Amino acid sequence: MPYVDGFVLAVPKDNLEAYKDMARLGGSVWMEHGALSYVECIADDVPYGELTSFPRAVQAKDDEVVVFSWITYPDRASRDAINAKVMADPRLKGPYEMPFDGKRMIFGGFESFLEL
């Protein structure tokens, strides 16, 4: 079963097209270096919870939309090797301005245990 990197972040609505452009480039780079899949999703039905929610988790503001994304790899070792290649890829080198506040992004690696 695949190893998964997951991400949740808030993107200002005015920067959404710039984020999509960045994601398209990033996705193609990850796939070229061996990722199994690369998925980006824009919140559609994501209520603001009283205690917890996607918007609360990333401190989304009224003018921001939540993005949920993931990248899959064959295993953890492949993920580490692929990410090293991606980080060294000159296509992702700046200087450019990030279209979101990276300090509020949540991310992590996950080992799959069930796939139906």
Protein backbone atom coordinates (compact mmCIF):
# COMPACT_ATOMS: atom_id res chain seq x y z
CA MET A 1 0.00 0.00 0.00
CA PRO A 2 1.23 3.53 -0.71
CA TYR A 3 2.98 5.93 1.62
CA VAL A 4 1.13 9.27 1.72
CA ASP A 5 2.22 12.86 2.31
CA GLY A 6 -0.82 14.93 3.29
CA PHE A 7 -1.27 18.71 3.38
CA VAL A 8 -3.94 21.16 4.56
CA LEU A 9 -3.51 24.90 3.98
CA ALA A 10 -5.40 28.14 3.50
CA VAL A 11 -5.05 30.06 0.24
CA PRO A 12 -6.29 33.64 -0.20
CA LYS A 13 -9.05 33.60 -2.81
CA ASP A 14 -7.19 36.33 -4.74
CA ASN A 15 -4.18 33.98 -5.01
CA LEU A 16 -6.07 30.85 -6.00
CA GLU A 17 -5.03 30.92 -9.68
CA ALA A 18 -1.38 31.47 -8.70
CA TYR A 19 -1.68 28.52 -6.31
CA LYS A 20 -3.16 26.34 -9.06
CA ASP A 21 -0.27 27.26 -11.37
CA MET A 22 2.22 26.40 -8.62
CA ALA A 23 0.42 23.09 -7.95
CA ARG A 24 0.41 22.13 -11.63
CA LEU A 25 4.17 22.70 -11.83
CA GLY A 26 4.82 20.94 -8.52
CA GLY A 27 2.61 18.03 -9.47
CA SER A 28 4.40 17.48 -12.77
CA VAL A 29 7.79 17.61 -11.02
CA TRP A 30 6.72 15.12 -8.32
CA MET A 31 5.28 12.76 -10.92
CA GLU A 32 8.39 12.96 -13.11
CA HIS A 33 10.53 12.02 -10.11
CA GLY A 34 8.42 8.95 -9.27
CA ALA A 35 5.35 9.87 -7.21
CA LEU A 36 2.42 7.52 -7.82
CA SER A 37 -0.20 10.28 -7.63
CA TYR A 38 -0.53 13.97 -6.84
CA VAL A 39 -3.95 15.37 -5.84
CA GLU A 40 -5.05 18.93 -4.99
CA CYS A 41 -8.58 19.66 -3.69
CA ILE A 42 -10.34 22.96 -2.97
CA ALA A 43 -12.81 23.00 -0.08
CA ASP A 44 -16.43 22.77 -1.18
CA ASP A 45 -18.34 21.48 1.84
CA VAL A 46 -16.10 22.28 4.82
CA PRO A 47 -18.03 23.80 7.72
CA TYR A 48 -16.32 25.88 10.39
CA GLY A 49 -16.56 23.65 13.45
CA GLU A 50 -17.08 24.76 17.03
CA LEU A 51 -13.99 22.91 18.29
CA THR A 52 -12.19 21.44 15.29
CA SER A 53 -12.43 21.70 11.52
CA PHE A 54 -10.26 22.14 8.47
CA PRO A 55 -10.71 25.94 8.50
CA ARG A 56 -9.86 26.13 12.21
CA ALA A 57 -6.82 23.89 11.80
CA VAL A 58 -5.20 26.32 9.33
CA GLN A 59 -6.71 29.49 10.85
CA ALA A 60 -8.49 30.23 7.55
CA LYS A 61 -9.67 33.80 7.19
CA ASP A 62 -12.92 34.90 5.53
CA ASP A 63 -11.08 35.69 2.30
CA GLU A 64 -9.31 32.31 2.15
CA VAL A 65 -10.21 28.84 0.92
CA VAL A 66 -8.95 25.58 2.42
CA VAL A 67 -6.88 23.29 0.21
CA PHE A 68 -6.43 19.60 1.00
CA SER A 69 -3.83 17.68 -0.96
CA TRP A 70 -1.81 14.50 -0.96
CA ILE A 71 1.00 12.77 -2.80
CA THR A 72 1.43 8.99 -2.85
CA TYR A 73 4.62 6.94 -3.13
CA PRO A 74 5.39 3.22 -3.21
CA ASP A 75 6.88 3.38 0.33
CA ARG A 76 8.64 5.66 2.82
CA ALA A 77 12.11 5.10 1.33
CA SER A 78 10.82 6.02 -2.13
CA ARG A 79 9.15 9.12 -0.70
CA ASP A 80 12.39 10.26 0.89
CA ALA A 81 14.35 9.69 -2.33
CA ILE A 82 11.71 11.37 -4.52
CA ASN A 83 11.43 14.38 -2.21
CA ALA A 84 15.21 14.83 -2.28
CA LYS A 85 15.10 14.93 -6.09
CA VAL A 86 12.13 17.31 -6.07
CA MET A 87 13.82 19.71 -3.64
CA ALA A 88 16.92 19.77 -5.88
CA ASP A 89 14.90 20.31 -9.09
CA PRO A 90 15.76 23.72 -10.59
CA ARG A 91 12.17 24.23 -11.81
CA LEU A 92 11.07 24.72 -8.21
CA LYS A 93 13.81 27.15 -7.25
CA GLY A 94 12.75 30.75 -6.59
CA PRO A 95 12.73 33.50 -6.31
CA TYR A 96 8.96 33.62 -6.30
CA GLU A 97 6.35 34.58 -3.79
CA MET A 98 4.35 31.77 -2.21
CA PRO A 99 0.61 32.28 -2.83
CA PHE A 100 -0.25 31.20 0.75
CA ASP A 101 1.05 31.49 4.31
CA GLY A 102 3.27 28.43 4.78
CA LYS A 103 3.33 28.93 8.55
CA ARG A 104 -0.30 27.80 8.71
CA MET A 105 0.15 24.73 6.49
CA ILE A 106 -0.28 21.33 8.15
CA PHE A 107 1.65 18.45 6.61
CA GLY A 108 2.92 15.01 7.43
CA GLY A 109 3.74 11.53 6.17
CA PHE A 110 1.38 8.62 6.68
CA GLU A 111 1.72 4.88 6.33
CA SER A 112 -1.36 3.30 4.74
CA PHE A 113 -3.03 0.44 6.60
CA LEU A 114 -6.29 -0.01 4.69
CA GLU A 115 -7.30 0.51 1.07
CA LEU A 116 -10.65 -0.71 -0.23
